[in-house]
Protein backbone atom coordinates (compact mmCIF):
# COMPACT_ATOMS: atom_id res chain seq x y z
CA MET A 1 90.37 109.05 101.29
CA ASN A 2 88.36 108.51 98.15
CA LEU A 3 85.48 106.76 99.92
CA PRO A 4 84.60 107.92 103.46
CA SER A 5 83.42 105.30 105.93
CA ASN A 6 79.71 106.05 105.61
CA ASP A 7 79.94 105.43 101.82
CA LEU A 8 81.51 101.99 102.33
CA ASN A 9 78.93 101.13 105.01
CA ILE A 10 81.41 98.74 106.62
CA GLN A 11 80.72 97.09 109.95
CA ASN A 12 83.56 94.92 111.22
CA TYR A 13 82.86 91.28 111.94
CA GLU A 14 82.71 90.80 115.71
CA VAL A 15 85.58 88.63 116.85
CA ASP A 16 88.18 88.91 119.59
CA LEU A 17 91.43 90.23 118.15
CA GLU A 18 94.50 88.51 119.56
CA PHE A 19 97.35 90.52 118.01
CA ASN A 20 99.76 91.63 120.75
CA GLY A 21 101.79 94.79 120.19
CA ASP A 22 104.12 93.97 123.09
CA ASN A 23 105.10 90.72 121.39
CA ALA A 24 105.72 92.57 118.12
CA TYR A 25 107.86 95.13 119.96
CA SER A 26 110.07 92.32 121.26
CA TYR A 27 110.46 91.00 117.70
CA VAL A 28 111.68 94.45 116.60
CA GLN A 29 114.27 94.37 119.38
CA ASP A 30 115.32 90.84 118.39
CA GLN A 31 116.10 92.02 114.86
CA LEU A 32 118.09 94.98 116.13
CA ASP A 33 120.05 92.64 118.39
CA ILE A 34 121.02 90.62 115.32
CA GLY A 35 122.64 93.75 113.89
CA PHE A 36 122.44 95.58 110.59
CA ARG A 37 120.51 93.35 108.14
CA ILE A 38 122.30 94.58 105.03
CA PRO A 39 122.20 92.46 101.85
CA GLY A 40 125.17 90.15 101.54
CA THR A 41 126.08 90.15 105.25
CA GLN A 42 126.07 87.43 107.89
CA GLU A 43 123.48 89.47 109.80
CA ARG A 44 121.13 89.16 106.83
CA ILE A 45 121.53 85.37 106.98
CA ASP A 46 121.02 85.40 110.75
CA CYS A 47 117.82 87.40 110.31
CA ILE A 48 116.37 84.88 107.86
CA ASN A 49 117.22 82.11 110.32
CA TYR A 50 115.50 84.12 113.05
CA PHE A 51 112.30 84.34 110.99
CA ILE A 52 112.41 80.60 110.35
CA SER A 53 112.86 79.90 114.05
CA LYS A 54 109.88 82.12 114.97
CA PHE A 55 107.62 80.39 112.45
CA GLU A 56 108.82 76.98 113.61
CA GLU A 57 107.82 77.99 117.14
CA ILE A 58 104.30 78.34 115.75
CA ASP A 59 104.47 75.01 113.91
CA ILE A 60 107.64 72.98 113.40
CA ASN A 61 106.27 72.07 109.96
CA PHE A 62 105.33 75.60 108.90
CA THR A 63 105.94 75.65 105.15
CA TYR A 64 108.56 78.09 103.93
CA VAL A 65 110.44 78.69 100.70
CA LEU A 66 113.75 80.50 100.34
CA HIS A 67 114.12 82.63 97.23
CA ASN A 68 117.78 83.22 96.38
CA PHE A 69 118.93 85.85 93.90
CA THR A 70 121.95 88.01 93.19
CA ILE A 71 122.02 91.80 92.85
CA HIS A 72 125.25 93.55 91.86
CA LEU A 73 127.26 90.43 92.74
CA THR A 74 125.63 90.41 96.20
CA GLU A 75 123.80 87.31 97.44
CA CYS A 76 120.26 88.18 98.56
CA GLN A 77 117.32 86.17 99.81
CA ASN A 78 113.58 86.57 100.16
CA VAL A 79 111.65 84.16 102.35
CA LEU A 80 108.02 83.10 101.95
CA PHE A 81 105.91 81.35 104.61
CA LYS A 82 102.58 79.77 103.62
CA LEU A 83 99.51 79.23 105.82
CA ASN A 84 96.50 77.15 104.68
CA GLU A 85 98.21 75.87 101.55
CA HIS A 86 95.15 73.79 100.66
CA LYS A 87 93.11 76.94 100.00
CA SER A 88 93.11 78.23 96.43
CA ASN A 89 92.76 82.00 96.95
CA ILE A 90 95.85 83.75 98.28
CA VAL A 91 96.29 86.93 100.32
CA ILE A 92 99.89 88.17 100.43
CA LEU A 93 101.08 90.06 103.52
CA GLY A 94 104.49 91.56 102.72
CA THR A 95 107.29 93.60 104.21
CA HIS A 96 111.00 94.17 103.68
CA TYR A 97 113.49 93.10 106.31
CA ASP A 98 116.75 94.59 105.05
CA SER A 99 118.13 97.65 106.82
CA ARG A 100 119.81 100.46 104.94
CA ALA A 101 123.59 100.34 104.56
CA GLN A 102 124.01 104.12 104.72
CA ALA A 103 122.19 106.73 106.81
CA THR A 104 121.94 109.01 103.79
CA LYS A 105 119.49 111.48 105.36
CA ASP A 106 121.13 111.85 108.74
CA PRO A 107 121.37 115.53 109.74
CA VAL A 108 124.96 114.95 110.86
CA LEU A 109 127.08 114.69 107.73
CA ALA A 110 129.64 112.44 109.45
CA ASN A 111 126.92 109.84 110.13
CA ARG A 112 125.85 109.39 106.53
CA ASP A 113 128.25 106.57 105.81
CA ASN A 114 127.04 104.66 108.88
CA PRO A 115 124.39 101.93 108.65
CA VAL A 116 120.79 102.49 109.76
CA PRO A 117 119.44 100.36 112.64
CA GLY A 118 116.17 100.00 110.70
CA ALA A 119 113.84 99.62 113.68
CA ASN A 120 110.86 101.12 111.86
CA ASP A 121 112.11 100.89 108.29
CA GLY A 122 112.20 97.13 107.98
CA ALA A 123 112.00 95.56 111.43
CA SER A 124 108.54 96.90 112.33
CA GLY A 125 106.75 95.33 109.36
CA SER A 126 108.63 92.07 109.86
CA ALA A 127 107.65 92.02 113.54
CA VAL A 128 103.98 92.54 112.68
CA LEU A 129 104.05 89.65 110.18
CA ILE A 130 105.51 87.28 112.79
CA GLU A 131 102.80 88.12 115.33
CA LEU A 132 100.09 87.96 112.66
CA ALA A 133 101.29 84.50 111.67
CA LYS A 134 100.92 83.38 115.28
CA VAL A 135 97.36 84.65 115.75
CA LEU A 136 96.10 83.68 112.28
CA TYR A 137 97.57 80.19 112.64
CA ASN A 138 95.30 79.70 115.65
CA GLN A 139 92.31 80.61 113.46
CA ARG A 140 93.47 78.76 110.35
CA GLY A 141 90.60 76.27 110.47
CA ASN A 142 88.09 79.13 110.35
CA LEU A 143 89.67 80.89 107.39
CA SER A 144 88.66 80.39 103.77
CA ASN A 145 91.93 81.63 102.26
CA GLN A 146 95.62 80.90 101.98
CA ILE A 147 97.95 83.51 103.48
CA TRP A 148 101.50 84.25 102.41
CA PHE A 149 103.86 85.97 104.84
CA LEU A 150 106.51 87.35 102.51
CA PHE A 151 109.77 89.01 103.64
CA PHE A 152 111.78 90.93 101.03
CA ASP A 153 115.51 91.52 100.91
CA ALA A 154 117.17 94.37 98.95
CA GLU A 155 114.36 96.91 99.23
CA ASP A 156 116.11 99.81 100.90
CA GLN A 157 119.47 100.32 99.20
CA GLY A 158 118.67 102.88 96.50
CA GLU A 159 119.76 106.50 96.21
CA ASP A 160 118.23 109.45 98.06
CA ASN A 161 119.22 112.97 99.06
CA ASP A 162 122.15 112.94 96.62
CA TYR A 163 123.68 110.05 98.52
CA GLY A 164 123.31 106.39 97.79
CA ILE A 165 124.81 103.00 97.22
CA ASP A 166 126.40 102.67 93.82
CA GLY A 167 124.27 100.84 91.29
CA TRP A 168 121.45 99.85 93.67
CA ASP A 169 117.81 100.60 92.96
CA TRP A 170 114.80 100.45 95.28
CA CYS A 171 112.65 97.34 95.80
CA GLU A 172 114.94 94.93 94.00
CA GLY A 173 113.88 91.95 96.13
CA SER A 174 110.20 92.26 95.29
CA GLN A 175 110.97 92.76 91.61
CA GLU A 176 113.02 89.58 91.61
CA PHE A 177 110.29 87.67 93.42
CA VAL A 178 107.53 88.76 91.04
CA SER A 179 109.69 87.91 88.03
CA GLU A 180 109.70 84.31 89.30
CA ILE A 181 106.32 84.21 91.04
CA ASP A 182 105.09 81.32 88.86
CA ASN A 183 107.58 79.11 90.71
CA PHE A 184 105.80 79.67 94.02
CA TYR A 185 102.19 78.75 93.27
CA ASP A 186 100.10 76.55 90.99
CA LEU A 187 98.56 78.77 88.34
CA ALA A 188 96.02 76.08 87.44
CA ILE A 189 94.33 75.95 90.85
CA GLU A 190 95.52 79.00 92.81
CA SER A 191 94.96 82.73 92.37
CA PHE A 192 95.77 85.95 94.18
CA ASP A 193 93.09 88.02 95.89
CA CYS A 194 95.30 90.89 97.03
CA MET A 195 98.65 91.99 98.43
CA ILE A 196 99.06 94.23 101.52
CA LEU A 197 102.45 95.77 102.21
CA LEU A 198 103.54 97.01 105.64
CA ASP A 199 106.34 99.59 105.62
CA MET A 200 107.29 101.78 108.60
CA VAL A 201 104.27 100.73 110.65
CA GLY A 202 105.71 100.80 114.18
CA GLY A 203 106.98 104.31 114.77
CA ILE A 204 105.70 106.79 117.32
CA ASN A 205 102.95 109.19 116.16
CA LEU A 206 101.64 106.69 113.60
CA LYS A 207 99.59 108.23 110.80
CA PHE A 208 99.10 106.41 107.50
CA ILE A 209 98.91 108.24 104.19
CA ASN A 210 96.69 107.72 101.16
CA GLU A 211 99.36 106.03 99.03
CA GLN A 212 98.45 106.66 95.40
CA TYR A 213 99.93 103.66 93.61
CA SER A 214 97.81 101.46 95.87
CA THR A 215 94.53 100.02 94.62
CA SER A 216 92.21 102.61 96.16
CA SER A 217 89.30 100.26 96.92
CA LEU A 218 91.65 98.03 98.95
CA LEU A 219 93.44 100.84 100.76
CA ASP A 220 90.13 102.61 101.48
CA GLU A 221 88.77 99.43 103.03
CA LEU A 222 91.81 99.09 105.30
CA PHE A 223 91.37 102.70 106.40
CA VAL A 224 87.69 102.23 107.19
CA ILE A 225 88.39 99.01 109.12
CA GLY A 226 91.01 100.84 111.18
CA ARG A 227 88.66 103.73 111.86
CA GLU A 228 85.88 101.33 112.87
CA LEU A 229 88.32 99.87 115.41
CA GLY A 230 88.72 103.36 116.87
CA TYR A 231 92.05 104.26 115.29
CA ILE A 232 90.88 107.63 114.02
CA SER A 233 94.14 109.59 114.09
CA GLN A 234 96.16 106.71 112.60
CA PHE A 235 93.73 106.31 109.68
CA PRO A 236 92.59 109.91 109.12
CA LEU A 237 89.57 110.55 106.92
CA ASN A 238 91.36 113.33 105.01
CA SER A 239 94.78 111.72 104.90
CA GLU A 240 97.80 113.07 103.10
CA SER A 241 98.25 111.71 99.57
CA ALA A 242 101.53 110.70 97.94
CA SER A 243 102.86 108.15 95.44
CA ILE A 244 105.55 105.91 96.95
CA ILE A 245 107.92 103.60 95.09
CA ASP A 246 107.62 100.47 97.23
CA ASP A 247 107.42 96.68 97.08
CA HIS A 248 103.69 96.60 96.26
CA ARG A 249 104.23 98.09 92.80
CA SER A 250 105.70 94.89 91.38
CA PHE A 251 102.49 93.06 92.32
CA LEU A 252 100.31 95.82 90.89
CA ASN A 253 102.23 95.45 87.63
CA ILE A 254 101.03 91.87 87.26
CA GLY A 255 97.42 92.71 88.08
CA ILE A 256 97.19 91.88 91.79
CA PRO A 257 95.19 94.46 93.82
CA SER A 258 97.73 95.86 96.27
CA ALA A 259 97.91 98.42 99.07
CA ASP A 260 100.80 100.02 100.91
CA LEU A 261 100.32 100.95 104.57
CA ILE A 262 103.02 103.57 104.99
CA ILE A 263 103.57 106.92 106.71
CA ASN A 264 104.86 110.27 105.54
CA PHE A 265 108.58 109.59 105.97
CA TRP A 266 109.99 112.57 104.04
CA ASN A 267 108.48 115.59 105.81
CA ASN A 268 107.12 114.44 109.13
CA PRO A 269 108.05 116.13 112.42
CA GLY A 270 106.23 113.33 114.25
CA TRP A 271 108.66 110.72 112.91
CA SER A 272 111.75 112.34 111.41
CA TYR A 273 114.20 109.43 111.56
CA HIS A 274 113.96 107.96 108.07
CA HIS A 275 117.38 106.81 106.81
CA THR A 276 119.13 108.20 109.89
CA ILE A 277 121.01 106.45 112.69
CA GLU A 278 118.08 107.36 114.98
CA ASP A 279 115.73 104.84 113.38
CA ASP A 280 116.13 102.81 116.56
CA ILE A 281 114.01 101.18 119.25
CA THR A 282 113.52 104.46 121.15
CA HIS A 283 111.25 105.69 118.36
CA ILE A 284 109.13 102.51 118.16
CA SER A 285 105.70 102.31 119.76
CA ASN A 286 103.99 99.16 121.06
CA SER A 287 100.69 100.90 120.34
CA SER A 288 101.55 101.58 116.68
CA LEU A 289 102.49 97.94 116.15
CA ASP A 290 99.29 96.85 117.88
CA ILE A 291 97.10 99.15 115.77
CA THR A 292 98.66 97.95 112.53
CA GLY A 293 98.44 94.29 113.45
CA LYS A 294 94.88 94.40 114.73
CA THR A 295 93.73 96.24 111.59
CA ILE A 296 95.18 93.55 109.32
CA GLU A 297 93.84 90.79 111.57
CA GLN A 298 90.37 92.35 111.38
CA PHE A 299 90.66 92.66 107.59
CA ILE A 300 91.33 88.92 107.32
CA TYR A 301 88.41 88.01 109.57
CA ASN A 302 86.05 90.42 107.84
CA ASN A 303 86.69 88.93 104.42
CA TYR A 304 87.62 85.31 105.14
CA PHE A 305 86.19 84.10 108.47
CA ASN A 306 83.83 81.16 107.88
CA ASP A 307 80.76 82.01 109.91
CA PRO A 308 77.16 82.16 108.65
CA ASN A 309 76.67 85.18 110.91
CA ASN A 310 79.47 87.06 109.18
CA LYS A 311 77.55 89.58 107.08
CA TYR A 312 80.55 91.76 106.32
CA HIS A 313 80.65 93.28 102.86
CA GLY A 314 83.60 95.42 101.82
CA ASN A 315 85.11 96.24 98.43
CA TYR A 316 86.09 92.72 97.36
CA PRO A 317 87.37 91.94 94.71
CA TRP A 318 89.12 95.31 95.02
CA ASN A 319 89.09 96.02 91.30
CA LYS A 320 88.22 99.72 91.51
CA ASP A 321 91.05 102.23 91.58
CA ILE A 322 90.45 105.97 91.81
CA ASN A 323 93.51 108.10 92.46
CA THR A 324 93.71 111.64 93.80
CA LEU A 325 96.43 114.23 93.40
CA ASP A 326 99.41 113.97 95.71
CA THR A 327 99.01 116.44 98.57
CA GLU A 328 102.20 118.34 97.76
CA ILE A 329 101.21 118.64 94.08
CA LEU A 330 97.73 119.82 95.09
CA ILE A 331 99.19 122.46 97.41
CA THR A 332 101.51 123.64 94.63
CA ILE A 333 98.57 123.93 92.22
CA ILE A 334 96.56 125.91 94.79
CA ILE A 335 99.50 128.27 95.37
CA ILE A 336 99.96 128.79 91.63
CA ILE A 337 96.23 129.47 91.15
CA ALA A 338 96.24 131.90 94.07
CA PHE A 339 99.33 133.66 92.70
CA VAL A 340 97.79 133.96 89.23
CA GLY A 341 94.60 135.23 90.83
CA VAL A 342 96.48 137.94 92.70
CA ILE A 343 98.19 139.03 89.48
CA ILE A 344 94.84 139.20 87.65
CA VAL A 345 93.22 141.21 90.45
CA PHE A 346 96.22 143.55 90.57
CA PHE A 347 96.03 144.03 86.78
CA ILE A 348 92.29 144.79 86.90
CA LEU A 349 92.64 147.23 89.78
CA ASN A 350 95.62 148.93 88.18
CA ARG A 351 93.79 149.26 84.88
CA SER A 352 90.72 150.70 86.63
CA THR A 353 92.85 153.29 88.46
CA THR A 354 94.59 154.28 85.22
CA GLU A 355 91.28 154.77 83.41
CA LYS A 356 90.03 157.02 86.21
CA ARG A 357 93.09 159.23 85.82
CA ILE A 358 92.46 159.83 82.11
CA ILE A 359 90.44 162.98 81.52
CA PRO A 360 88.08 162.43 78.61
CA GLU A 361 88.23 165.03 75.76
CA GLU A 362 85.23 167.30 75.39
């Protein structure tokens, strides 16, 4: 990361964390039981109704807003739940819930027209938001901020690996939401502190990357909080770097500090099921869900828990952004430099040998 933990000098606020990874695991299974949550399908509608029912279990009057939009003649829907609406500063916790219509990276060619279960890629982030809503609701009176739990449709239907869904782009739901964001808050009295996106956060062998579009001061803080909780391998100090097109970018584009908690999903032997039919419950980990949820819960308490003994000081207002080179680009540069170096050394040695073979005239 750009700022190792000793530079941030972060000490987590001491509070009992209540996030339960077993509960989140059951919410992943519930979404898979609904079926494939593809835009425009009945299963997509059923999934939205499932989210509403889970939030109403927390509070029958939990405020929610449905955001309807149409992409390529397909009816889509985001859903936003609001906690502590009377607070003026907003933290957005986001995820996408749609599952991919085609398993375009499946190693078996015959499977590539089949839908993806989307256990990790969609359902895991949604499950974490549901459980976070439950535990943060219980602490709502101690929190100084408003929290949005925001579920995006139409994130995962773009083209990859020379296969794709005609006309669809990535992250269309978040783009639509941000284009109309003024309809969802009062600009005169409310403002956004940050946005945190959860994408593929429940798979086995969890290891987050240093996502380069993210606001580095926000992402660094999340990493340090996770490491302070003991999650060293999941939030590695020298994490892999890459730039990911994801739902947080729309919020970055309007000036909201944003971070994407995401794994290496393109070249990862520890979790190799991205956009395949094997993105199912067998490759989901209760522990990964628990680690993700507890890290976000701790982040909220660190920055927003009303307690005179809370001396936490992180990177708020997260306005510093220092990017590093993507790991794969850096490796390529190193290889090129090494190759050029070998050529130069070979040229020098060859020239020296040639000069030794020339007999000077007397």
